């Protein structure tokens, strides 16, 4: 078995180092993109929450309207029965 040439080992290590650096650069870029998209999603979610709160505040109080309608219907029914 022959010993590997030290210059060949050094060249392979340098090539491997370059490949690892490129991989880390790609990973860093991908992570930066994911963070940016996460921030955009957070802003969109906050905007939707704000819009939903505004809609909920401006809606009609449906249970109150239904209760008032029921009371008025009952009063009209009783008035109709009494006036016979």
PDB file of N, CA and C in Angstrom:
ATOM      1  N   UNK A   1       0.845  -1.160   0.000  1.00  0.00           N
ATOM      2  CA  UNK A   1       0.000   0.000   0.000  1.00  0.00           C
ATOM      3  C   UNK A   1       0.895   1.229   0.000  1.00  0.00           C
ATOM      4  N   UNK A   2       0.552   2.182  -0.834  1.00  0.00           N
ATOM      5  CA  UNK A   2       1.382   3.376  -0.950  1.00  0.00           C
ATOM      6  C   UNK A   2       0.774   4.507  -0.147  1.00  0.00           C
ATOM      7  N   UNK A   3       1.615   5.335   0.346  1.00  0.00           N
ATOM      8  CA  UNK A   3       1.180   6.511   1.113  1.00  0.00           C
ATOM      9  C   UNK A   3       0.666   7.568   0.144  1.00  0.00           C
ATOM     10  N   UNK A   4      -0.437   8.275   0.481  1.00  0.00           N
ATOM     11  CA  UNK A   4      -0.914   9.349  -0.399  1.00  0.00           C
ATOM     12  C   UNK A   4       0.056  10.526  -0.380  1.00  0.00           C
ATOM     13  N   UNK A   5       0.107  11.176  -1.500  1.00  0.00           N
ATOM     14  CA  UNK A   5       0.980  12.348  -1.631  1.00  0.00           C
ATOM     15  C   UNK A   5       0.398  13.493  -0.796  1.00  0.00           C
ATOM     16  N   UNK A   6       1.202  14.146   0.072  1.00  0.00           N
ATOM     17  CA  UNK A   6       0.677  15.230   0.911  1.00  0.00           C
ATOM     18  C   UNK A   6       0.075  16.383   0.106  1.00  0.00           C
ATOM     19  N   UNK A   7       0.600  16.637  -1.057  1.00  0.00           N
ATOM     20  CA  UNK A   7       0.040  17.734  -1.864  1.00  0.00           C
ATOM     21  C   UNK A   7      -1.353  17.364  -2.384  1.00  0.00           C
ATOM     22  N   UNK A   8      -1.549  16.053  -2.709  1.00  0.00           N
ATOM     23  CA  UNK A   8      -2.878  15.607  -3.149  1.00  0.00           C
ATOM     24  C   UNK A   8      -3.888  15.717  -2.001  1.00  0.00           C
ATOM     25  N   UNK A   9      -3.449  15.360  -0.807  1.00  0.00           N
ATOM     26  CA  UNK A   9      -4.322  15.459   0.360  1.00  0.00           C
ATOM     27  C   UNK A   9      -4.692  16.912   0.619  1.00  0.00           C
ATOM     28  N   UNK A  10      -3.708  17.798   0.520  1.00  0.00           N
ATOM     29  CA  UNK A  10      -3.960  19.223   0.741  1.00  0.00           C
ATOM     30  C   UNK A  10      -4.938  19.766  -0.299  1.00  0.00           C
ATOM     31  N   UNK A  11      -4.792  19.340  -1.566  1.00  0.00           N
ATOM     32  CA  UNK A  11      -5.706  19.799  -2.618  1.00  0.00           C
ATOM     33  C   UNK A  11      -7.131  19.298  -2.368  1.00  0.00           C
ATOM     34  N   UNK A  12      -7.253  18.050  -1.976  1.00  0.00           N
ATOM     35  CA  UNK A  12      -8.579  17.498  -1.692  1.00  0.00           C
ATOM     36  C   UNK A  12      -9.220  18.191  -0.489  1.00  0.00           C
ATOM     37  N   UNK A  13      -8.425  18.460   0.534  1.00  0.00           N
ATOM     38  CA  UNK A  13      -8.954  19.176   1.692  1.00  0.00           C
ATOM     39  C   UNK A  13      -9.399  20.580   1.315  1.00  0.00           C
ATOM     40  N   UNK A  14      -8.649  21.249   0.457  1.00  0.00           N
ATOM     41  CA  UNK A  14      -9.022  22.598   0.013  1.00  0.00           C
ATOM     42  C   UNK A  14     -10.305  22.553  -0.813  1.00  0.00           C
ATOM     43  N   UNK A  15     -10.428  21.524  -1.668  1.00  0.00           N
ATOM     44  CA  UNK A  15     -11.650  21.377  -2.467  1.00  0.00           C
ATOM     45  C   UNK A  15     -12.842  21.093  -1.550  1.00  0.00           C
ATOM     46  N   UNK A  16     -12.643  20.239  -0.574  1.00  0.00           N
ATOM     47  CA  UNK A  16     -13.696  19.924   0.379  1.00  0.00           C
ATOM     48  C   UNK A  16     -14.100  21.162   1.175  1.00  0.00           C
ATOM     49  N   UNK A  17     -13.114  21.966   1.549  1.00  0.00           N
ATOM     50  CA  UNK A  17     -13.403  23.209   2.276  1.00  0.00           C
ATOM     51  C   UNK A  17     -14.263  24.144   1.427  1.00  0.00           C
ATOM     52  N   UNK A  18     -13.944  24.245   0.143  1.00  0.00           N
ATOM     53  CA  UNK A  18     -14.737  25.085  -0.760  1.00  0.00           C
ATOM     54  C   UNK A  18     -16.163  24.595  -0.888  1.00  0.00           C
ATOM     55  N   UNK A  19     -16.331  23.275  -0.978  1.00  0.00           N
ATOM     56  CA  UNK A  19     -17.671  22.704  -1.089  1.00  0.00           C
ATOM     57  C   UNK A  19     -18.469  22.983   0.185  1.00  0.00           C
ATOM     58  N   UNK A  20     -17.836  22.845   1.336  1.00  0.00           N
ATOM     59  CA  UNK A  20     -18.518  23.110   2.603  1.00  0.00           C
ATOM     60  C   UNK A  20     -18.904  24.581   2.708  1.00  0.00           C
ATOM     61  N   UNK A  21     -18.016  25.481   2.300  1.00  0.00           N
ATOM     62  CA  UNK A  21     -18.332  26.922   2.349  1.00  0.00           C
ATOM     63  C   UNK A  21     -19.504  27.257   1.445  1.00  0.00           C
ATOM     64  N   UNK A  22     -19.544  26.670   0.261  1.00  0.00           N
ATOM     65  CA  UNK A  22     -20.660  26.906  -0.654  1.00  0.00           C
ATOM     66  C   UNK A  22     -21.957  26.371  -0.036  1.00  0.00           C
ATOM     67  N   UNK A  23     -21.880  25.221   0.581  1.00  0.00           N
ATOM     68  CA  UNK A  23     -23.066  24.658   1.227  1.00  0.00           C
ATOM     69  C   UNK A  23     -23.571  25.536   2.358  1.00  0.00           C
ATOM     70  N   UNK A  24     -22.643  26.044   3.173  1.00  0.00           N
ATOM     71  CA  UNK A  24     -23.047  26.943   4.250  1.00  0.00           C
ATOM     72  C   UNK A  24     -23.638  28.242   3.706  1.00  0.00           C
ATOM     73  N   UNK A  25     -23.079  28.756   2.625  1.00  0.00           N
ATOM     74  CA  UNK A  25     -23.613  29.985   2.028  1.00  0.00           C
ATOM     75  C   UNK A  25     -25.043  29.754   1.526  1.00  0.00           C
ATOM     76  N   UNK A  26     -25.274  28.603   0.905  1.00  0.00           N
ATOM     77  CA  UNK A  26     -26.626  28.283   0.434  1.00  0.00           C
ATOM     78  C   UNK A  26     -27.588  28.154   1.615  1.00  0.00           C
ATOM     79  N   UNK A  27     -27.133  27.485   2.662  1.00  0.00           N
ATOM     80  CA  UNK A  27     -27.979  27.306   3.843  1.00  0.00           C
ATOM     81  C   UNK A  27     -28.297  28.653   4.483  1.00  0.00           C
ATOM     82  N   UNK A  28     -27.302  29.523   4.583  1.00  0.00           N
ATOM     83  CA  UNK A  28     -27.538  30.858   5.149  1.00  0.00           C
ATOM     84  C   UNK A  28     -28.543  31.638   4.297  1.00  0.00           C
ATOM     85  N   UNK A  29     -28.414  31.544   2.987  1.00  0.00           N
ATOM     86  CA  UNK A  29     -29.355  32.225   2.099  1.00  0.00           C
ATOM     87  C   UNK A  29     -30.765  31.692   2.249  1.00  0.00           C
ATOM     88  N   UNK A  30     -30.877  30.377   2.354  1.00  0.00           N
ATOM     89  CA  UNK A  30     -32.199  29.767   2.524  1.00  0.00           C
ATOM     90  C   UNK A  30     -32.821  30.175   3.860  1.00  0.00           C
ATOM     91  N   UNK A  31     -32.010  30.184   4.905  1.00  0.00           N
ATOM     92  CA  UNK A  31     -32.523  30.591   6.213  1.00  0.00           C
ATOM     93  C   UNK A  31     -32.949  32.059   6.210  1.00  0.00           C
ATOM     94  N   UNK A  32     -32.181  32.905   5.547  1.00  0.00           N
ATOM     95  CA  UNK A  32     -32.552  34.321   5.468  1.00  0.00           C
ATOM     96  C   UNK A  32     -33.880  34.480   4.729  1.00  0.00           C
ATOM     97  N   UNK A  33     -34.081  33.697   3.676  1.00  0.00           N
ATOM     98  CA  UNK A  33     -35.341  33.759   2.928  1.00  0.00           C
ATOM     99  C   UNK A  33     -36.503  33.284   3.803  1.00  0.00           C
ATOM    100  N   UNK A  34     -36.289  32.221   4.564  1.00  0.00           N
ATOM    101  CA  UNK A  34     -37.348  31.731   5.451  1.00  0.00           C
ATOM    102  C   UNK A  34     -37.693  32.750   6.529  1.00  0.00           C
ATOM    103  N   UNK A  35     -36.691  33.420   7.066  1.00  0.00           N
ATOM    104  CA  UNK A  35     -36.951  34.451   8.082  1.00  0.00           C
ATOM    105  C   UNK A  35     -37.743  35.600   7.471  1.00  0.00           C
ATOM    106  N   UNK A  36     -37.380  35.998   6.250  1.00  0.00           N
ATOM    107  CA  UNK A  36     -38.101  37.084   5.576  1.00  0.00           C
ATOM    108  C   UNK A  36     -39.558  36.690   5.341  1.00  0.00           C
ATOM    109  N   UNK A  37     -39.781  35.475   4.864  1.00  0.00           N
ATOM    110  CA  UNK A  37     -41.156  35.026   4.627  1.00  0.00           C
ATOM    111  C   UNK A  37     -41.937  34.928   5.934  1.00  0.00           C
ATOM    112  N   UNK A  38     -41.277  34.501   6.988  1.00  0.00           N
ATOM    113  CA  UNK A  38     -41.931  34.429   8.295  1.00  0.00           C
ATOM    114  C   UNK A  38     -42.344  35.816   8.771  1.00  0.00           C
ATOM    115  N   UNK A  39     -41.473  36.800   8.573  1.00  0.00           N
ATOM    116  CA  UNK A  39     -41.813  38.173   8.951  1.00  0.00           C
ATOM    117  C   UNK A  39     -42.994  38.693   8.143  1.00  0.00           C
ATOM    118  N   UNK A  40     -43.011  38.393   6.843  1.00  0.00           N
ATOM    119  CA  UNK A  40     -44.132  38.821   6.009  1.00  0.00           C
ATOM    120  C   UNK A  40     -45.427  38.153   6.454  1.00  0.00           C
ATOM    121  N   UNK A  41     -45.355  36.885   6.807  1.00  0.00           N
ATOM    122  CA  UNK A  41     -46.534  36.165   7.280  1.00  0.00           C
ATOM    123  C   UNK A  41     -47.028  36.755   8.595  1.00  0.00           C
ATOM    124  N   UNK A  42     -46.099  37.089   9.485  1.00  0.00           N
ATOM    125  CA  UNK A  42     -46.488  37.700  10.759  1.00  0.00           C
ATOM    126  C   UNK A  42     -47.184  39.038  10.543  1.00  0.00           C
ATOM    127  N   UNK A  43     -46.656  39.845   9.606  1.00  0.00           N
ATOM    128  CA  UNK A  43     -47.288  41.134   9.321  1.00  0.00           C
ATOM    129  C   UNK A  43     -48.677  40.938   8.718  1.00  0.00           C
ATOM    130  N   UNK A  44     -48.811  39.982   7.815  1.00  0.00           N
ATOM    131  CA  UNK A  44     -50.118  39.719   7.195  1.00  0.00           C
ATOM    132  C   UNK A  44     -51.107  39.214   8.239  1.00  0.00           C
ATOM    133  N   UNK A  45     -50.652  38.364   9.133  1.00  0.00           N
ATOM    134  CA  UNK A  45     -51.520  37.849  10.184  1.00  0.00           C
ATOM    135  C   UNK A  45     -51.966  38.969  11.124  1.00  0.00           C
ATOM    136  N   UNK A  46     -51.055  39.858  11.477  1.00  0.00           N
ATOM    137  CA  UNK A  46     -51.413  40.988  12.333  1.00  0.00           C
ATOM    138  C   UNK A  46     -52.426  41.888  11.628  1.00  0.00           C
ATOM    139  N   UNK A  47     -52.251  42.096  10.326  1.00  0.00           N
ATOM    140  CA  UNK A  47     -53.190  42.914   9.555  1.00  0.00           C
ATOM    141  C   UNK A  47     -54.566  42.250   9.522  1.00  0.00           C
ATOM    142  N   UNK A  48     -54.601  40.951   9.323  1.00  0.00           N
ATOM    143  CA  UNK A  48     -55.883  40.243   9.286  1.00  0.00           C
ATOM    144  C   UNK A  48     -56.565  40.281  10.652  1.00  0.00           C
ATOM    145  N   UNK A  49     -55.792  40.139  11.713  1.00  0.00           N
ATOM    146  CA  UNK A  49     -56.365  40.225  13.065  1.00  0.00           C
ATOM    147  C   UNK A  49     -56.977  41.603  13.306  1.00  0.00           C
ATOM    148  N   UNK A  50     -56.281  42.637  12.856  1.00  0.00           N
ATOM    149  CA  UNK A  50     -56.771  44.006  13.037  1.00  0.00           C
ATOM    150  C   UNK A  50     -58.067  44.204  12.248  1.00  0.00           C
ATOM    151  N   UNK A  51     -58.104  43.707  11.014  1.00  0.00           N
ATOM    152  CA  UNK A  51     -59.300  43.843  10.195  1.00  0.00           C
ATOM    153  C   UNK A  51     -60.465  43.050  10.781  1.00  0.00           C
ATOM    154  N   UNK A  52     -60.187  41.856  11.297  1.00  0.00           N
ATOM    155  CA  UNK A  52     -61.231  41.048  11.906  1.00  0.00           C
ATOM    156  C   UNK A  52     -61.789  41.711  13.157  1.00  0.00           C
ATOM    157  N   UNK A  53     -60.917  42.311  13.958  1.00  0.00           N
ATOM    158  CA  UNK A  53     -61.385  43.040  15.145  1.00  0.00           C
ATOM    159  C   UNK A  53     -62.291  44.198  14.749  1.00  0.00           C
ATOM    160  N   UNK A  54     -61.934  44.910  13.673  1.00  0.00           N
ATOM    161  CA  UNK A  54     -62.762  46.024  13.212  1.00  0.00           C
ATOM    162  C   UNK A  54     -64.123  45.530  12.738  1.00  0.00           C
ATOM    163  N   UNK A  55     -64.145  44.406  12.054  1.00  0.00           N
ATOM    164  CA  UNK A  55     -65.416  43.843  11.579  1.00  0.00           C
ATOM    165  C   UNK A  55     -66.278  43.407  12.756  1.00  0.00           C
ATOM    166  N   UNK A  56     -65.656  42.765  13.746  1.00  0.00           N
ATOM    167  CA  UNK A  56     -66.416  42.301  14.905  1.00  0.00           C
ATOM    168  C   UNK A  56     -67.004  43.466  15.700  1.00  0.00           C
ATOM    169  N   UNK A  57     -66.309  44.574  15.747  1.00  0.00           N
ATOM    170  CA  UNK A  57     -66.802  45.732  16.491  1.00  0.00           C
ATOM    171  C   UNK A  57     -67.936  46.432  15.762  1.00  0.00           C
ATOM    172  N   UNK A  58     -67.940  46.365  14.440  1.00  0.00           N
ATOM    173  CA  UNK A  58     -68.952  47.097  13.680  1.00  0.00           C
ATOM    174  C   UNK A  58     -70.175  46.249  13.344  1.00  0.00           C
ATOM    175  N   UNK A  59     -70.216  45.001  13.731  1.00  0.00           N
ATOM    176  CA  UNK A  59     -71.374  44.157  13.411  1.00  0.00           C
ATOM    177  C   UNK A  59     -72.542  44.490  14.331  1.00  0.00           C
ATOM    178  N   UNK A  60     -73.717  44.104  13.894  1.00  0.00           N
ATOM    179  CA  UNK A  60     -74.909  44.329  14.693  1.00  0.00           C
ATOM    180  C   UNK A  60     -74.899  43.375  15.877  1.00  0.00           C
ATOM    181  N   UNK A  61     -75.393  43.832  17.003  1.00  0.00           N
ATOM    182  CA  UNK A  61     -75.488  42.930  18.162  1.00  0.00           C
ATOM    183  C   UNK A  61     -76.686  42.004  17.980  1.00  0.00           C
ATOM    184  N   UNK A  62     -76.499  40.944  17.226  1.00  0.00           N
ATOM    185  CA  UNK A  62     -77.589  40.071  16.814  1.00  0.00           C
ATOM    186  C   UNK A  62     -78.390  39.485  17.977  1.00  0.00           C
ATOM    187  N   UNK A  63     -77.787  38.981  19.031  1.00  0.00           N
ATOM    188  CA  UNK A  63     -78.615  38.454  20.133  1.00  0.00           C
ATOM    189  C   UNK A  63     -79.519  39.512  20.754  1.00  0.00           C
ATOM    190  N   UNK A  64     -79.031  40.731  20.874  1.00  0.00           N
ATOM    191  CA  UNK A  64     -79.861  41.806  21.440  1.00  0.00           C
ATOM    192  C   UNK A  64     -81.026  42.135  20.523  1.00  0.00           C
ATOM    193  N   UNK A  65     -80.776  42.176  19.222  1.00  0.00           N
ATOM    194  CA  UNK A  65     -81.841  42.466  18.260  1.00  0.00           C
ATOM    195  C   UNK A  65     -82.892  41.360  18.297  1.00  0.00           C
ATOM    196  N   UNK A  66     -82.443  40.106  18.395  1.00  0.00           N
ATOM    197  CA  UNK A  66     -83.398  38.996  18.459  1.00  0.00           C
ATOM    198  C   UNK A  66     -84.235  39.054  19.732  1.00  0.00           C
ATOM    199  N   UNK A  67     -83.634  39.365  20.844  1.00  0.00           N
ATOM    200  CA  UNK A  67     -84.379  39.472  22.105  1.00  0.00           C
ATOM    201  C   UNK A  67     -85.394  40.606  22.022  1.00  0.00           C
ATOM    202  N   UNK A  68     -84.999  41.743  21.476  1.00  0.00           N
ATOM    203  CA  UNK A  68     -85.910  42.874  21.338  1.00  0.00           C
ATOM    204  C   UNK A  68     -87.070  42.519  20.414  1.00  0.00           C
ATOM    205  N   UNK A  69     -86.802  41.828  19.337  1.00  0.00           N
ATOM    206  CA  UNK A  69     -87.853  41.401  18.413  1.00  0.00           C
ATOM    207  C   UNK A  69     -88.829  40.447  19.099  1.00  0.00           C
ATOM    208  N   UNK A  70     -88.305  39.538  19.896  1.00  0.00           N
ATOM    209  CA  UNK A  70     -89.170  38.597  20.615  1.00  0.00           C
ATOM    210  C   UNK A  70     -90.066  39.328  21.611  1.00  0.00           C
ATOM    211  N   UNK A  71     -89.520  40.300  22.320  1.00  0.00           N
ATOM    212  CA  UNK A  71     -90.316  41.055  23.293  1.00  0.00           C
ATOM    213  C   UNK A  71     -91.401  41.862  22.578  1.00  0.00           C
ATOM    214  N   UNK A  72     -91.058  42.483  21.472  1.00  0.00           N
ATOM    215  CA  UNK A  72     -92.050  43.259  20.710  1.00  0.00           C
ATOM    216  C   UNK A  72     -93.134  42.331  20.160  1.00  0.00           C
ATOM    217  N   UNK A  73     -92.737  41.152  19.672  1.00  0.00           N
ATOM    218  CA  UNK A  73     -93.729  40.184  19.178  1.00  0.00           C
ATOM    219  C   UNK A  73     -94.658  39.726  20.275  1.00  0.00           C
ATOM    220  N   UNK A  74     -94.115  39.464  21.447  1.00  0.00           N
ATOM    221  CA  UNK A  74     -94.937  39.062  22.581  1.00  0.00           C
ATOM    222  C   UNK A  74     -95.908  40.176  22.973  1.00  0.00           C
ATOM    223  N   UNK A  75     -95.389  41.406  23.008  1.00  0.00           N
ATOM    224  CA  UNK A  75     -96.243  42.544  23.382  1.00  0.00           C
ATOM    225  C   UNK A  75     -97.369  42.722  22.364  1.00  0.00           C
ATOM    226  N   UNK A  76     -97.073  42.601  21.078  1.00  0.00           N
ATOM    227  CA  UNK A  76     -98.110  42.748  20.056  1.00  0.00           C
ATOM    228  C   UNK A  76     -99.131  41.618  20.152  1.00  0.00           C
ATOM    229  N   UNK A  77     -98.658  40.412  20.456  1.00  0.00           N
ATOM    230  CA  UNK A  77     -99.579  39.276  20.599  1.00  0.00           C
ATOM    231  C   UNK A  77    -100.518  39.499  21.771  1.00  0.00           C
ATOM    232  N   UNK A  78     -99.958  39.923  22.898  1.00  0.00           N
ATOM    233  CA  UNK A  78    -100.792  40.190  24.087  1.00  0.00           C
ATOM    234  C   UNK A  78    -101.766  41.334  23.824  1.00  0.00           C
ATOM    235  N   UNK A  79    -101.336  42.358  23.166  1.00  0.00           N
ATOM    236  CA  UNK A  79    -102.206  43.496  22.837  1.00  0.00           C
ATOM    237  C   UNK A  79    -103.334  43.057  21.908  1.00  0.00           C
ATOM    238  N   UNK A  80    -102.989  42.184  20.948  1.00  0.00           N
ATOM    239  CA  UNK A  80    -104.005  41.658  20.027  1.00  0.00           C
ATOM    240  C   UNK A  80    -105.031  40.810  20.739  1.00  0.00           C
ATOM    241  N   UNK A  81    -104.591  40.013  21.714  1.00  0.00           N
ATOM    242  CA  UNK A  81    -105.529  39.179  22.472  1.00  0.00           C
ATOM    243  C   UNK A  81    -106.410  40.009  23.396  1.00  0.00           C
ATOM    244  N   UNK A  82    -105.897  41.078  23.942  1.00  0.00           N
ATOM    245  CA  UNK A  82    -106.655  41.917  24.867  1.00  0.00           C
ATOM    246  C   UNK A  82    -107.659  42.800  24.139  1.00  0.00           C
ATOM    247  N   UNK A  83    -107.401  43.127  22.915  1.00  0.00           N
ATOM    248  CA  UNK A  83    -108.290  44.056  22.227  1.00  0.00           C
ATOM    249  C   UNK A  83    -109.452  43.320  21.559  1.00  0.00           C
ATOM    250  N   UNK A  84    -109.600  42.063  21.686  1.00  0.00           N
ATOM    251  CA  UNK A  84    -110.736  41.316  21.101  1.00  0.00           C
ATOM    252  C   UNK A  84    -111.983  41.528  21.844  1.00  0.00           C
TER     253      UNK A  84
END
